[in-house]
């Protein structure tokens, strides 16, 4: 039984679930509104696509109905290149392209990682 089936079983009929999924594009690294580069999220993208497919399958099977969807940016702000690189190194399925550390060293903080996010409100049926 997958996680969404377990969640569905724990919700009362009509109960709500807010699903947060990344938009499936490489996150932008920005300094003062200027694009410095992008993270390589190709490995994570494959995982995220599988999770989105599982969510869509529960809707197709009639466990949930989509109520609403909102697309927004999630912004991670860092005070230095070292701080950004240390944090990103902990992110599953995310790699730093070889040229990005040098570009970050030349960029002025704060440094932002901007990731697209999709919030989907689901109602248990």
PDB file of N, CA and C in Angstrom:
ATOM      1  N   UNK A   1       0.859  -1.181   0.000  1.00  0.00           N
ATOM      2  CA  UNK A   1       0.000   0.000   0.000  1.00  0.00           C
ATOM      3  C   UNK A   1       0.899   1.236   0.000  1.00  0.00           C
ATOM      4  N   UNK A   2       0.642   2.171  -0.918  1.00  0.00           N
ATOM      5  CA  UNK A   2       1.492   3.353  -0.964  1.00  0.00           C
ATOM      6  C   UNK A   2       1.046   4.387   0.073  1.00  0.00           C
ATOM      7  N   UNK A   3       1.861   5.417   0.241  1.00  0.00           N
ATOM      8  CA  UNK A   3       1.608   6.431   1.273  1.00  0.00           C
ATOM      9  C   UNK A   3       0.262   7.118   1.083  1.00  0.00           C
ATOM     10  N   UNK A   4      -0.110   7.436  -0.150  1.00  0.00           N
ATOM     11  CA  UNK A   4      -1.383   8.124  -0.372  1.00  0.00           C
ATOM     12  C   UNK A   4      -2.580   7.246  -0.013  1.00  0.00           C
ATOM     13  N   UNK A   5      -2.463   5.953  -0.218  1.00  0.00           N
ATOM     14  CA  UNK A   5      -3.542   5.050   0.195  1.00  0.00           C
ATOM     15  C   UNK A   5      -3.663   5.042   1.717  1.00  0.00           C
ATOM     16  N   UNK A   6      -2.526   5.052   2.411  1.00  0.00           N
ATOM     17  CA  UNK A   6      -2.533   5.087   3.883  1.00  0.00           C
ATOM     18  C   UNK A   6      -3.131   6.405   4.377  1.00  0.00           C
ATOM     19  N   UNK A   7      -2.764   7.498   3.740  1.00  0.00           N
ATOM     20  CA  UNK A   7      -3.316   8.795   4.129  1.00  0.00           C
ATOM     21  C   UNK A   7      -4.815   8.812   3.884  1.00  0.00           C
ATOM     22  N   UNK A   8      -5.227   8.306   2.727  1.00  0.00           N
ATOM     23  CA  UNK A   8      -6.651   8.260   2.410  1.00  0.00           C
ATOM     24  C   UNK A   8      -7.419   7.487   3.482  1.00  0.00           C
ATOM     25  N   UNK A   9      -6.870   6.368   3.906  1.00  0.00           N
ATOM     26  CA  UNK A   9      -7.531   5.542   4.919  1.00  0.00           C
ATOM     27  C   UNK A   9      -7.656   6.272   6.258  1.00  0.00           C
ATOM     28  N   UNK A  10      -6.762   7.217   6.517  1.00  0.00           N
ATOM     29  CA  UNK A  10      -6.803   7.936   7.797  1.00  0.00           C
ATOM     30  C   UNK A  10      -7.697   9.171   7.766  1.00  0.00           C
ATOM     31  N   UNK A  11      -8.126   9.597   6.583  1.00  0.00           N
ATOM     32  CA  UNK A  11      -8.967  10.789   6.462  1.00  0.00           C
ATOM     33  C   UNK A  11     -10.446  10.425   6.511  1.00  0.00           C
ATOM     34  N   UNK A  12     -11.221  11.309   7.102  1.00  0.00           N
ATOM     35  CA  UNK A  12     -12.675  11.174   7.040  1.00  0.00           C
ATOM     36  C   UNK A  12     -13.115  11.490   5.615  1.00  0.00           C
ATOM     37  N   UNK A  13     -14.237  10.941   5.162  1.00  0.00           N
ATOM     38  CA  UNK A  13     -14.739  11.313   3.834  1.00  0.00           C
ATOM     39  C   UNK A  13     -14.861  12.840   3.735  1.00  0.00           C
ATOM     40  N   UNK A  14     -14.355  13.378   2.650  1.00  0.00           N
ATOM     41  CA  UNK A  14     -14.361  14.829   2.472  1.00  0.00           C
ATOM     42  C   UNK A  14     -13.160  15.512   3.091  1.00  0.00           C
ATOM     43  N   UNK A  15     -12.314  14.758   3.806  1.00  0.00           N
ATOM     44  CA  UNK A  15     -11.119  15.332   4.414  1.00  0.00           C
ATOM     45  C   UNK A  15     -10.170  15.867   3.357  1.00  0.00           C
ATOM     46  N   UNK A  16      -9.367  16.828   3.738  1.00  0.00           N
ATOM     47  CA  UNK A  16      -8.486  17.505   2.786  1.00  0.00           C
ATOM     48  C   UNK A  16      -7.029  17.118   2.986  1.00  0.00           C
ATOM     49  N   UNK A  17      -6.315  17.049   1.870  1.00  0.00           N
ATOM     50  CA  UNK A  17      -4.883  16.785   1.859  1.00  0.00           C
ATOM     51  C   UNK A  17      -4.239  17.828   0.961  1.00  0.00           C
ATOM     52  N   UNK A  18      -3.208  18.485   1.460  1.00  0.00           N
ATOM     53  CA  UNK A  18      -2.458  19.453   0.654  1.00  0.00           C
ATOM     54  C   UNK A  18      -1.169  18.778   0.216  1.00  0.00           C
ATOM     55  N   UNK A  19      -1.038  18.572  -1.081  1.00  0.00           N
ATOM     56  CA  UNK A  19       0.122  17.894  -1.656  1.00  0.00           C
ATOM     57  C   UNK A  19       1.061  18.935  -2.241  1.00  0.00           C
ATOM     58  N   UNK A  20       2.304  18.926  -1.819  1.00  0.00           N
ATOM     59  CA  UNK A  20       3.323  19.847  -2.325  1.00  0.00           C
ATOM     60  C   UNK A  20       4.269  19.057  -3.211  1.00  0.00           C
ATOM     61  N   UNK A  21       4.384  19.476  -4.470  1.00  0.00           N
ATOM     62  CA  UNK A  21       5.267  18.819  -5.429  1.00  0.00           C
ATOM     63  C   UNK A  21       6.143  19.877  -6.094  1.00  0.00           C
ATOM     64  N   UNK A  22       7.392  19.539  -6.361  1.00  0.00           N
ATOM     65  CA  UNK A  22       8.229  20.483  -7.109  1.00  0.00           C
ATOM     66  C   UNK A  22       7.797  20.529  -8.565  1.00  0.00           C
ATOM     67  N   UNK A  23       7.953  21.691  -9.168  1.00  0.00           N
ATOM     68  CA  UNK A  23       7.833  21.753 -10.627  1.00  0.00           C
ATOM     69  C   UNK A  23       9.100  21.121 -11.167  1.00  0.00           C
ATOM     70  N   UNK A  24       8.988  20.449 -12.242  1.00  0.00           N
ATOM     71  CA  UNK A  24      10.092  19.605 -12.676  1.00  0.00           C
ATOM     72  C   UNK A  24      11.025  20.327 -13.644  1.00  0.00           C
ATOM     73  N   UNK A  25      11.715  21.328 -13.099  1.00  0.00           N
ATOM     74  CA  UNK A  25      12.751  22.014 -13.860  1.00  0.00           C
ATOM     75  C   UNK A  25      13.913  22.272 -12.915  1.00  0.00           C
ATOM     76  N   UNK A  26      15.099  22.424 -13.456  1.00  0.00           N
ATOM     77  CA  UNK A  26      16.269  22.661 -12.618  1.00  0.00           C
ATOM     78  C   UNK A  26      16.157  24.014 -11.923  1.00  0.00           C
ATOM     79  N   UNK A  27      16.402  24.008 -10.613  1.00  0.00           N
ATOM     80  CA  UNK A  27      16.261  25.216  -9.805  1.00  0.00           C
ATOM     81  C   UNK A  27      17.280  26.277 -10.224  1.00  0.00           C
ATOM     82  N   UNK A  28      16.808  27.513 -10.296  1.00  0.00           N
ATOM     83  CA  UNK A  28      17.661  28.644 -10.653  1.00  0.00           C
ATOM     84  C   UNK A  28      18.425  29.127  -9.425  1.00  0.00           C
ATOM     85  N   UNK A  29      19.681  29.492  -9.635  1.00  0.00           N
ATOM     86  CA  UNK A  29      20.494  30.122  -8.598  1.00  0.00           C
ATOM     87  C   UNK A  29      20.664  31.576  -9.023  1.00  0.00           C
ATOM     88  N   UNK A  30      20.245  32.495  -8.136  1.00  0.00           N
ATOM     89  CA  UNK A  30      20.120  33.908  -8.492  1.00  0.00           C
ATOM     90  C   UNK A  30      20.866  34.775  -7.478  1.00  0.00           C
ATOM     91  N   UNK A  31      21.520  35.813  -7.959  1.00  0.00           N
ATOM     92  CA  UNK A  31      22.154  36.823  -7.119  1.00  0.00           C
ATOM     93  C   UNK A  31      21.626  38.182  -7.539  1.00  0.00           C
ATOM     94  N   UNK A  32      20.943  38.850  -6.622  1.00  0.00           N
ATOM     95  CA  UNK A  32      20.426  40.197  -6.873  1.00  0.00           C
ATOM     96  C   UNK A  32      19.632  40.283  -8.174  1.00  0.00           C
ATOM     97  N   UNK A  33      18.776  39.290  -8.384  1.00  0.00           N
ATOM     98  CA  UNK A  33      17.911  39.278  -9.551  1.00  0.00           C
ATOM     99  C   UNK A  33      18.562  38.773 -10.830  1.00  0.00           C
ATOM    100  N   UNK A  34      19.837  38.400 -10.779  1.00  0.00           N
ATOM    101  CA  UNK A  34      20.561  37.928 -11.973  1.00  0.00           C
ATOM    102  C   UNK A  34      20.791  36.427 -11.867  1.00  0.00           C
ATOM    103  N   UNK A  35      20.441  35.711 -12.932  1.00  0.00           N
ATOM    104  CA  UNK A  35      20.637  34.264 -12.965  1.00  0.00           C
ATOM    105  C   UNK A  35      22.127  33.949 -13.012  1.00  0.00           C
ATOM    106  N   UNK A  36      22.585  33.145 -12.044  1.00  0.00           N
ATOM    107  CA  UNK A  36      23.984  32.727 -11.984  1.00  0.00           C
ATOM    108  C   UNK A  36      24.154  31.377 -12.688  1.00  0.00           C
ATOM    109  N   UNK A  37      23.190  30.503 -12.477  1.00  0.00           N
ATOM    110  CA  UNK A  37      23.234  29.164 -13.066  1.00  0.00           C
ATOM    111  C   UNK A  37      22.045  28.361 -12.579  1.00  0.00           C
ATOM    112  N   UNK A  38      22.072  27.072 -12.856  1.00  0.00           N
ATOM    113  CA  UNK A  38      20.987  26.178 -12.435  1.00  0.00           C
ATOM    114  C   UNK A  38      21.578  24.927 -11.811  1.00  0.00           C
ATOM    115  N   UNK A  39      20.867  24.412 -10.825  1.00  0.00           N
ATOM    116  CA  UNK A  39      21.246  23.138 -10.227  1.00  0.00           C
ATOM    117  C   UNK A  39      20.822  22.016 -11.164  1.00  0.00           C
ATOM    118  N   UNK A  40      21.489  20.891 -11.065  1.00  0.00           N
ATOM    119  CA  UNK A  40      21.124  19.719 -11.852  1.00  0.00           C
ATOM    120  C   UNK A  40      20.227  18.838 -10.986  1.00  0.00           C
ATOM    121  N   UNK A  41      18.936  18.852 -11.301  1.00  0.00           N
ATOM    122  CA  UNK A  41      17.971  18.063 -10.540  1.00  0.00           C
ATOM    123  C   UNK A  41      17.424  16.891 -11.353  1.00  0.00           C
ATOM    124  N   UNK A  42      18.190  16.433 -12.341  1.00  0.00           N
ATOM    125  CA  UNK A  42      17.694  15.373 -13.216  1.00  0.00           C
ATOM    126  C   UNK A  42      17.423  14.081 -12.456  1.00  0.00           C
ATOM    127  N   UNK A  43      18.258  13.730 -11.503  1.00  0.00           N
ATOM    128  CA  UNK A  43      18.019  12.511 -10.718  1.00  0.00           C
ATOM    129  C   UNK A  43      16.772  12.679  -9.849  1.00  0.00           C
ATOM    130  N   UNK A  44      16.637  13.816  -9.202  1.00  0.00           N
ATOM    131  CA  UNK A  44      15.463  14.078  -8.363  1.00  0.00           C
ATOM    132  C   UNK A  44      14.197  14.133  -9.204  1.00  0.00           C
ATOM    133  N   UNK A  45      14.301  14.668 -10.408  1.00  0.00           N
ATOM    134  CA  UNK A  45      13.149  14.805 -11.294  1.00  0.00           C
ATOM    135  C   UNK A  45      12.496  13.444 -11.554  1.00  0.00           C
ATOM    136  N   UNK A  46      13.305  12.409 -11.765  1.00  0.00           N
ATOM    137  CA  UNK A  46      12.761  11.068 -12.014  1.00  0.00           C
ATOM    138  C   UNK A  46      11.958  10.589 -10.799  1.00  0.00           C
ATOM    139  N   UNK A  47      12.469  10.835  -9.614  1.00  0.00           N
ATOM    140  CA  UNK A  47      11.750  10.459  -8.383  1.00  0.00           C
ATOM    141  C   UNK A  47      10.456  11.259  -8.257  1.00  0.00           C
ATOM    142  N   UNK A  48      10.530  12.567  -8.475  1.00  0.00           N
ATOM    143  CA  UNK A  48       9.351  13.431  -8.339  1.00  0.00           C
ATOM    144  C   UNK A  48       8.274  13.070  -9.345  1.00  0.00           C
ATOM    145  N   UNK A  49       8.672  12.701 -10.547  1.00  0.00           N
ATOM    146  CA  UNK A  49       7.697  12.287 -11.558  1.00  0.00           C
ATOM    147  C   UNK A  49       6.956  11.031 -11.119  1.00  0.00           C
ATOM    148  N   UNK A  50       7.673  10.086 -10.514  1.00  0.00           N
ATOM    149  CA  UNK A  50       7.042   8.856 -10.026  1.00  0.00           C
ATOM    150  C   UNK A  50       6.043   9.160  -8.911  1.00  0.00           C
ATOM    151  N   UNK A  51       6.386  10.091  -8.028  1.00  0.00           N
ATOM    152  CA  UNK A  51       5.473  10.477  -6.946  1.00  0.00           C
ATOM    153  C   UNK A  51       4.237  11.153  -7.518  1.00  0.00           C
ATOM    154  N   UNK A  52       4.411  12.037  -8.487  1.00  0.00           N
ATOM    155  CA  UNK A  52       3.267  12.714  -9.111  1.00  0.00           C
ATOM    156  C   UNK A  52       2.364  11.708  -9.820  1.00  0.00           C
ATOM    157  N   UNK A  53       2.961  10.722 -10.470  1.00  0.00           N
ATOM    158  CA  UNK A  53       2.161   9.676 -11.120  1.00  0.00           C
ATOM    159  C   UNK A  53       1.350   8.885 -10.099  1.00  0.00           C
ATOM    160  N   UNK A  54       1.945   8.589  -8.953  1.00  0.00           N
ATOM    161  CA  UNK A  54       1.219   7.864  -7.897  1.00  0.00           C
ATOM    162  C   UNK A  54       0.050   8.703  -7.386  1.00  0.00           C
ATOM    163  N   UNK A  55       0.269  10.013  -7.204  1.00  0.00           N
ATOM    164  CA  UNK A  55      -0.814  10.899  -6.785  1.00  0.00           C
ATOM    165  C   UNK A  55      -1.927  10.902  -7.817  1.00  0.00           C
ATOM    166  N   UNK A  56      -1.569  11.044  -9.084  1.00  0.00           N
ATOM    167  CA  UNK A  56      -2.578  11.073 -10.144  1.00  0.00           C
ATOM    168  C   UNK A  56      -3.333   9.752 -10.230  1.00  0.00           C
ATOM    169  N   UNK A  57      -2.663   8.656  -9.949  1.00  0.00           N
ATOM    170  CA  UNK A  57      -3.317   7.347  -9.974  1.00  0.00           C
ATOM    171  C   UNK A  57      -4.385   7.249  -8.873  1.00  0.00           C
ATOM    172  N   UNK A  58      -4.114   7.818  -7.693  1.00  0.00           N
ATOM    173  CA  UNK A  58      -5.123   7.778  -6.630  1.00  0.00           C
ATOM    174  C   UNK A  58      -6.347   8.611  -7.008  1.00  0.00           C
ATOM    175  N   UNK A  59      -6.141   9.684  -7.751  1.00  0.00           N
ATOM    176  CA  UNK A  59      -7.264  10.491  -8.250  1.00  0.00           C
ATOM    177  C   UNK A  59      -8.037   9.672  -9.286  1.00  0.00           C
ATOM    178  N   UNK A  60      -7.313   9.052 -10.199  1.00  0.00           N
ATOM    179  CA  UNK A  60      -7.943   8.238 -11.248  1.00  0.00           C
ATOM    180  C   UNK A  60      -8.749   7.076 -10.644  1.00  0.00           C
ATOM    181  N   UNK A  61      -8.237   6.490  -9.572  1.00  0.00           N
ATOM    182  CA  UNK A  61      -8.913   5.363  -8.921  1.00  0.00           C
ATOM    183  C   UNK A  61     -10.096   5.808  -8.053  1.00  0.00           C
ATOM    184  N   UNK A  62     -10.289   7.113  -7.900  1.00  0.00           N
ATOM    185  CA  UNK A  62     -11.433   7.610  -7.152  1.00  0.00           C
ATOM    186  C   UNK A  62     -11.217   7.762  -5.657  1.00  0.00           C
ATOM    187  N   UNK A  63      -9.955   7.728  -5.206  1.00  0.00           N
ATOM    188  CA  UNK A  63      -9.691   7.936  -3.776  1.00  0.00           C
ATOM    189  C   UNK A  63      -9.750   9.422  -3.421  1.00  0.00           C
ATOM    190  N   UNK A  64      -9.275  10.250  -4.327  1.00  0.00           N
ATOM    191  CA  UNK A  64      -9.243  11.696  -4.108  1.00  0.00           C
ATOM    192  C   UNK A  64      -9.800  12.417  -5.331  1.00  0.00           C
ATOM    193  N   UNK A  65     -10.278  13.628  -5.100  1.00  0.00           N
ATOM    194  CA  UNK A  65     -10.639  14.548  -6.173  1.00  0.00           C
ATOM    195  C   UNK A  65      -9.759  15.780  -6.030  1.00  0.00           C
ATOM    196  N   UNK A  66      -9.296  16.295  -7.161  1.00  0.00           N
ATOM    197  CA  UNK A  66      -8.531  17.550  -7.133  1.00  0.00           C
ATOM    198  C   UNK A  66      -9.503  18.701  -6.907  1.00  0.00           C
ATOM    199  N   UNK A  67      -9.204  19.505  -5.911  1.00  0.00           N
ATOM    200  CA  UNK A  67     -10.038  20.676  -5.618  1.00  0.00           C
ATOM    201  C   UNK A  67      -9.459  21.932  -6.250  1.00  0.00           C
ATOM    202  N   UNK A  68      -8.194  22.192  -5.971  1.00  0.00           N
ATOM    203  CA  UNK A  68      -7.530  23.407  -6.462  1.00  0.00           C
ATOM    204  C   UNK A  68      -6.047  23.120  -6.639  1.00  0.00           C
ATOM    205  N   UNK A  69      -5.419  24.020  -7.396  1.00  0.00           N
ATOM    206  CA  UNK A  69      -3.979  23.934  -7.599  1.00  0.00           C
ATOM    207  C   UNK A  69      -3.406  25.341  -7.605  1.00  0.00           C
ATOM    208  N   UNK A  70      -2.232  25.504  -7.016  1.00  0.00           N
ATOM    209  CA  UNK A  70      -1.536  26.785  -6.986  1.00  0.00           C
ATOM    210  C   UNK A  70      -0.078  26.531  -7.333  1.00  0.00           C
ATOM    211  N   UNK A  71       0.459  27.338  -8.225  1.00  0.00           N
ATOM    212  CA  UNK A  71       1.872  27.258  -8.583  1.00  0.00           C
ATOM    213  C   UNK A  71       2.560  28.486  -8.000  1.00  0.00           C
ATOM    214  N   UNK A  72       3.702  28.256  -7.347  1.00  0.00           N
ATOM    215  CA  UNK A  72       4.430  29.361  -6.723  1.00  0.00           C
ATOM    216  C   UNK A  72       5.925  29.044  -6.727  1.00  0.00           C
ATOM    217  N   UNK A  73       6.715  29.986  -6.243  1.00  0.00           N
ATOM    218  CA  UNK A  73       8.154  29.771  -6.076  1.00  0.00           C
ATOM    219  C   UNK A  73       8.451  29.522  -4.615  1.00  0.00           C
ATOM    220  N   UNK A  74       9.343  28.576  -4.367  1.00  0.00           N
ATOM    221  CA  UNK A  74       9.933  28.392  -3.046  1.00  0.00           C
ATOM    222  C   UNK A  74      11.347  28.947  -3.164  1.00  0.00           C
ATOM    223  N   UNK A  75      11.703  29.867  -2.281  1.00  0.00           N
ATOM    224  CA  UNK A  75      13.001  30.525  -2.359  1.00  0.00           C
ATOM    225  C   UNK A  75      13.816  30.165  -1.120  1.00  0.00           C
ATOM    226  N   UNK A  76      15.014  29.648  -1.360  1.00  0.00           N
ATOM    227  CA  UNK A  76      15.968  29.364  -0.284  1.00  0.00           C
ATOM    228  C   UNK A  76      17.040  30.448  -0.370  1.00  0.00           C
ATOM    229  N   UNK A  77      17.254  31.198   0.707  1.00  0.00           N
ATOM    230  CA  UNK A  77      18.204  32.317   0.674  1.00  0.00           C
ATOM    231  C   UNK A  77      19.434  31.960   1.507  1.00  0.00           C
ATOM    232  N   UNK A  78      20.605  32.288   0.950  1.00  0.00           N
ATOM    233  CA  UNK A  78      21.873  31.971   1.595  1.00  0.00           C
ATOM    234  C   UNK A  78      22.754  33.208   1.654  1.00  0.00           C
ATOM    235  N   UNK A  79      23.529  33.313   2.731  1.00  0.00           N
ATOM    236  CA  UNK A  79      24.407  34.456   2.927  1.00  0.00           C
ATOM    237  C   UNK A  79      25.764  34.320   2.272  1.00  0.00           C
ATOM    238  N   UNK A  80      26.087  33.119   1.798  1.00  0.00           N
ATOM    239  CA  UNK A  80      27.379  32.912   1.149  1.00  0.00           C
ATOM    240  C   UNK A  80      27.311  31.717   0.210  1.00  0.00           C
ATOM    241  N   UNK A  81      28.298  31.656  -0.678  1.00  0.00           N
ATOM    242  CA  UNK A  81      28.384  30.514  -1.588  1.00  0.00           C
ATOM    243  C   UNK A  81      28.621  29.229  -0.811  1.00  0.00           C
ATOM    244  N   UNK A  82      29.479  29.295   0.211  1.00  0.00           N
ATOM    245  CA  UNK A  82      29.777  28.096   1.010  1.00  0.00           C
ATOM    246  C   UNK A  82      28.518  27.564   1.686  1.00  0.00           C
ATOM    247  N   UNK A  83      27.700  28.454   2.221  1.00  0.00           N
ATOM    248  CA  UNK A  83      26.451  28.058   2.877  1.00  0.00           C
ATOM    249  C   UNK A  83      25.502  27.395   1.879  1.00  0.00           C
ATOM    250  N   UNK A  84      25.366  27.992   0.702  1.00  0.00           N
ATOM    251  CA  UNK A  84      24.493  27.429  -0.328  1.00  0.00           C
ATOM    252  C   UNK A  84      24.980  26.039  -0.739  1.00  0.00           C
ATOM    253  N   UNK A  85      26.270  25.904  -1.021  1.00  0.00           N
ATOM    254  CA  UNK A  85      26.807  24.628  -1.474  1.00  0.00           C
ATOM    255  C   UNK A  85      26.698  23.545  -0.408  1.00  0.00           C
ATOM    256  N   UNK A  86      26.900  23.912   0.850  1.00  0.00           N
ATOM    257  CA  UNK A  86      26.775  22.933   1.938  1.00  0.00           C
ATOM    258  C   UNK A  86      25.342  22.427   2.047  1.00  0.00           C
ATOM    259  N   UNK A  87      24.379  23.325   1.945  1.00  0.00           N
ATOM    260  CA  UNK A  87      22.971  22.925   2.056  1.00  0.00           C
ATOM    261  C   UNK A  87      22.549  22.082   0.860  1.00  0.00           C
ATOM    262  N   UNK A  88      22.874  22.538  -0.333  1.00  0.00           N
ATOM    263  CA  UNK A  88      22.459  21.814  -1.543  1.00  0.00           C
ATOM    264  C   UNK A  88      23.069  20.412  -1.570  1.00  0.00           C
ATOM    265  N   UNK A  89      24.241  20.242  -0.987  1.00  0.00           N
ATOM    266  CA  UNK A  89      24.870  18.912  -0.970  1.00  0.00           C
ATOM    267  C   UNK A  89      24.042  17.897  -0.184  1.00  0.00           C
ATOM    268  N   UNK A  90      23.102  18.373   0.636  1.00  0.00           N
ATOM    269  CA  UNK A  90      22.243  17.468   1.416  1.00  0.00           C
ATOM    270  C   UNK A  90      20.939  17.139   0.692  1.00  0.00           C
ATOM    271  N   UNK A  91      20.673  17.766  -0.446  1.00  0.00           N
ATOM    272  CA  UNK A  91      19.414  17.583  -1.166  1.00  0.00           C
ATOM    273  C   UNK A  91      19.471  16.330  -2.023  1.00  0.00           C
ATOM    274  N   UNK A  92      18.535  15.454  -1.839  1.00  0.00           N
ATOM    275  CA  UNK A  92      18.471  14.199  -2.575  1.00  0.00           C
ATOM    276  C   UNK A  92      18.328  14.446  -4.072  1.00  0.00           C
ATOM    277  N   UNK A  93      19.161  13.759  -4.848  1.00  0.00           N
ATOM    278  CA  UNK A  93      19.036  13.798  -6.298  1.00  0.00           C
ATOM    279  C   UNK A  93      19.393  15.119  -6.935  1.00  0.00           C
ATOM    280  N   UNK A  94      20.112  15.989  -6.222  1.00  0.00           N
ATOM    281  CA  UNK A  94      20.477  17.307  -6.747  1.00  0.00           C
ATOM    282  C   UNK A  94      21.992  17.418  -6.797  1.00  0.00           C
ATOM    283  N   UNK A  95      22.505  17.849  -7.944  1.00  0.00           N
ATOM    284  CA  UNK A  95      23.948  18.019  -8.123  1.00  0.00           C
ATOM    285  C   UNK A  95      24.254  19.465  -8.502  1.00  0.00           C
ATOM    286  N   UNK A  96      25.457  19.877  -8.168  1.00  0.00           N
ATOM    287  CA  UNK A  96      25.931  21.217  -8.516  1.00  0.00           C
ATOM    288  C   UNK A  96      26.805  21.082  -9.759  1.00  0.00           C
ATOM    289  N   UNK A  97      26.426  21.730 -10.862  1.00  0.00           N
ATOM    290  CA  UNK A  97      27.266  21.677 -12.066  1.00  0.00           C
ATOM    291  C   UNK A  97      28.681  22.173 -11.766  1.00  0.00           C
ATOM    292  N   UNK A  98      29.661  21.632 -12.470  1.00  0.00           N
ATOM    293  CA  UNK A  98      31.075  21.905 -12.190  1.00  0.00           C
ATOM    294  C   UNK A  98      31.435  23.387 -12.205  1.00  0.00           C
ATOM    295  N   UNK A  99      30.800  24.178 -13.059  1.00  0.00           N
ATOM    296  CA  UNK A  99      31.156  25.593 -13.161  1.00  0.00           C
ATOM    297  C   UNK A  99      30.467  26.483 -12.124  1.00  0.00           C
ATOM    298  N   UNK A 100      29.460  25.969 -11.453  1.00  0.00           N
ATOM    299  CA  UNK A 100      28.664  26.823 -10.560  1.00  0.00           C
ATOM    300  C   UNK A 100      29.419  27.328  -9.330  1.00  0.00           C
ATOM    301  N   UNK A 101      30.253  26.524  -8.643  1.00  0.00           N
ATOM    302  CA  UNK A 101      30.953  27.075  -7.472  1.00  0.00           C
ATOM    303  C   UNK A 101      31.784  28.315  -7.783  1.00  0.00           C
ATOM    304  N   UNK A 102      32.499  28.321  -8.902  1.00  0.00           N
ATOM    305  CA  UNK A 102      33.296  29.511  -9.260  1.00  0.00           C
ATOM    306  C   UNK A 102      32.398  30.706  -9.550  1.00  0.00           C
ATOM    307  N   UNK A 103      31.281  30.473 -10.221  1.00  0.00           N
ATOM    308  CA  UNK A 103      30.340  31.559 -10.506  1.00  0.00           C
ATOM    309  C   UNK A 103      29.735  32.108  -9.209  1.00  0.00           C
ATOM    310  N   UNK A 104      29.475  31.228  -8.258  1.00  0.00           N
ATOM    311  CA  UNK A 104      28.925  31.663  -6.969  1.00  0.00           C
ATOM    312  C   UNK A 104      29.929  32.495  -6.190  1.00  0.00           C
ATOM    313  N   UNK A 105      31.196  32.100  -6.242  1.00  0.00           N
ATOM    314  CA  UNK A 105      32.237  32.857  -5.528  1.00  0.00           C
ATOM    315  C   UNK A 105      32.331  34.292  -6.026  1.00  0.00           C
ATOM    316  N   UNK A 106      32.009  34.509  -7.297  1.00  0.00           N
ATOM    317  CA  UNK A 106      32.069  35.849  -7.887  1.00  0.00           C
ATOM    318  C   UNK A 106      30.783  36.648  -7.672  1.00  0.00           C
ATOM    319  N   UNK A 107      29.726  35.988  -7.243  1.00  0.00           N
ATOM    320  CA  UNK A 107      28.415  36.635  -7.098  1.00  0.00           C
ATOM    321  C   UNK A 107      28.287  37.291  -5.727  1.00  0.00           C
ATOM    322  N   UNK A 108      27.488  38.344  -5.685  1.00  0.00           N
ATOM    323  CA  UNK A 108      27.245  39.061  -4.436  1.00  0.00           C
ATOM    324  C   UNK A 108      26.072  38.429  -3.684  1.00  0.00           C
ATOM    325  N   UNK A 109      26.257  38.180  -2.380  1.00  0.00           N
ATOM    326  CA  UNK A 109      25.131  37.678  -1.590  1.00  0.00           C
ATOM    327  C   UNK A 109      24.086  38.776  -1.392  1.00  0.00           C
ATOM    328  N   UNK A 110      22.867  38.420  -1.051  1.00  0.00           N
ATOM    329  CA  UNK A 110      22.424  37.057  -0.791  1.00  0.00           C
ATOM    330  C   UNK A 110      22.261  36.263  -2.083  1.00  0.00           C
ATOM    331  N   UNK A 111      22.370  34.956  -1.949  1.00  0.00           N
ATOM    332  CA  UNK A 111      22.215  34.035  -3.063  1.00  0.00           C
ATOM    333  C   UNK A 111      20.923  33.257  -2.853  1.00  0.00           C
ATOM    334  N   UNK A 112      20.102  33.227  -3.871  1.00  0.00           N
ATOM    335  CA  UNK A 112      18.808  32.543  -3.784  1.00  0.00           C
ATOM    336  C   UNK A 112      18.775  31.324  -4.691  1.00  0.00           C
ATOM    337  N   UNK A 113      18.181  30.258  -4.203  1.00  0.00           N
ATOM    338  CA  UNK A 113      17.824  29.113  -5.037  1.00  0.00           C
ATOM    339  C   UNK A 113      16.309  29.180  -5.174  1.00  0.00           C
ATOM    340  N   UNK A 114      15.839  29.304  -6.396  1.00  0.00           N
ATOM    341  CA  UNK A 114      14.405  29.429  -6.674  1.00  0.00           C
ATOM    342  C   UNK A 114      13.907  28.151  -7.331  1.00  0.00           C
ATOM    343  N   UNK A 115      12.975  27.515  -6.628  1.00  0.00           N
ATOM    344  CA  UNK A 115      12.375  26.290  -7.129  1.00  0.00           C
ATOM    345  C   UNK A 115      10.886  26.511  -7.331  1.00  0.00           C
ATOM    346  N   UNK A 116      10.391  26.058  -8.445  1.00  0.00           N
ATOM    347  CA  UNK A 116       8.956  26.101  -8.659  1.00  0.00           C
ATOM    348  C   UNK A 116       8.288  25.024  -7.812  1.00  0.00           C
ATOM    349  N   UNK A 117       7.110  25.342  -7.304  1.00  0.00           N
ATOM    350  CA  UNK A 117       6.367  24.393  -6.477  1.00  0.00           C
ATOM    351  C   UNK A 117       4.903  24.396  -6.894  1.00  0.00           C
ATOM    352  N   UNK A 118       4.302  23.239  -6.789  1.00  0.00           N
ATOM    353  CA  UNK A 118       2.873  23.092  -7.093  1.00  0.00           C
ATOM    354  C   UNK A 118       2.192  22.563  -5.840  1.00  0.00           C
ATOM    355  N   UNK A 119       1.199  23.312  -5.377  1.00  0.00           N
ATOM    356  CA  UNK A 119       0.364  22.876  -4.260  1.00  0.00           C
ATOM    357  C   UNK A 119      -0.952  22.378  -4.833  1.00  0.00           C
ATOM    358  N   UNK A 120      -1.316  21.154  -4.500  1.00  0.00           N
ATOM    359  CA  UNK A 120      -2.556  20.558  -4.993  1.00  0.00           C
ATOM    360  C   UNK A 120      -3.413  20.200  -3.787  1.00  0.00           C
ATOM    361  N   UNK A 121      -4.607  20.758  -3.739  1.00  0.00           N
ATOM    362  CA  UNK A 121      -5.553  20.434  -2.679  1.00  0.00           C
ATOM    363  C   UNK A 121      -6.406  19.260  -3.143  1.00  0.00           C
ATOM    364  N   UNK A 122      -6.356  18.170  -2.377  1.00  0.00           N
ATOM    365  CA  UNK A 122      -7.098  16.963  -2.702  1.00  0.00           C
ATOM    366  C   UNK A 122      -8.180  16.725  -1.644  1.00  0.00           C
ATOM    367  N   UNK A 123      -9.313  16.258  -2.072  1.00  0.00           N
ATOM    368  CA  UNK A 123     -10.422  15.919  -1.159  1.00  0.00           C
ATOM    369  C   UNK A 123     -10.623  14.418  -1.205  1.00  0.00           C
ATOM    370  N   UNK A 124     -10.639  13.803  -0.022  1.00  0.00           N
ATOM    371  CA  UNK A 124     -10.864  12.346   0.062  1.00  0.00           C
ATOM    372  C   UNK A 124     -12.295  12.029  -0.324  1.00  0.00           C
ATOM    373  N   UNK A 125     -12.466  11.011  -1.155  1.00  0.00           N
ATOM    374  CA  UNK A 125     -13.794  10.565  -1.586  1.00  0.00           C
ATOM    375  C   UNK A 125     -14.181   9.274  -0.867  1.00  0.00           C
TER     376      UNK A 125
END
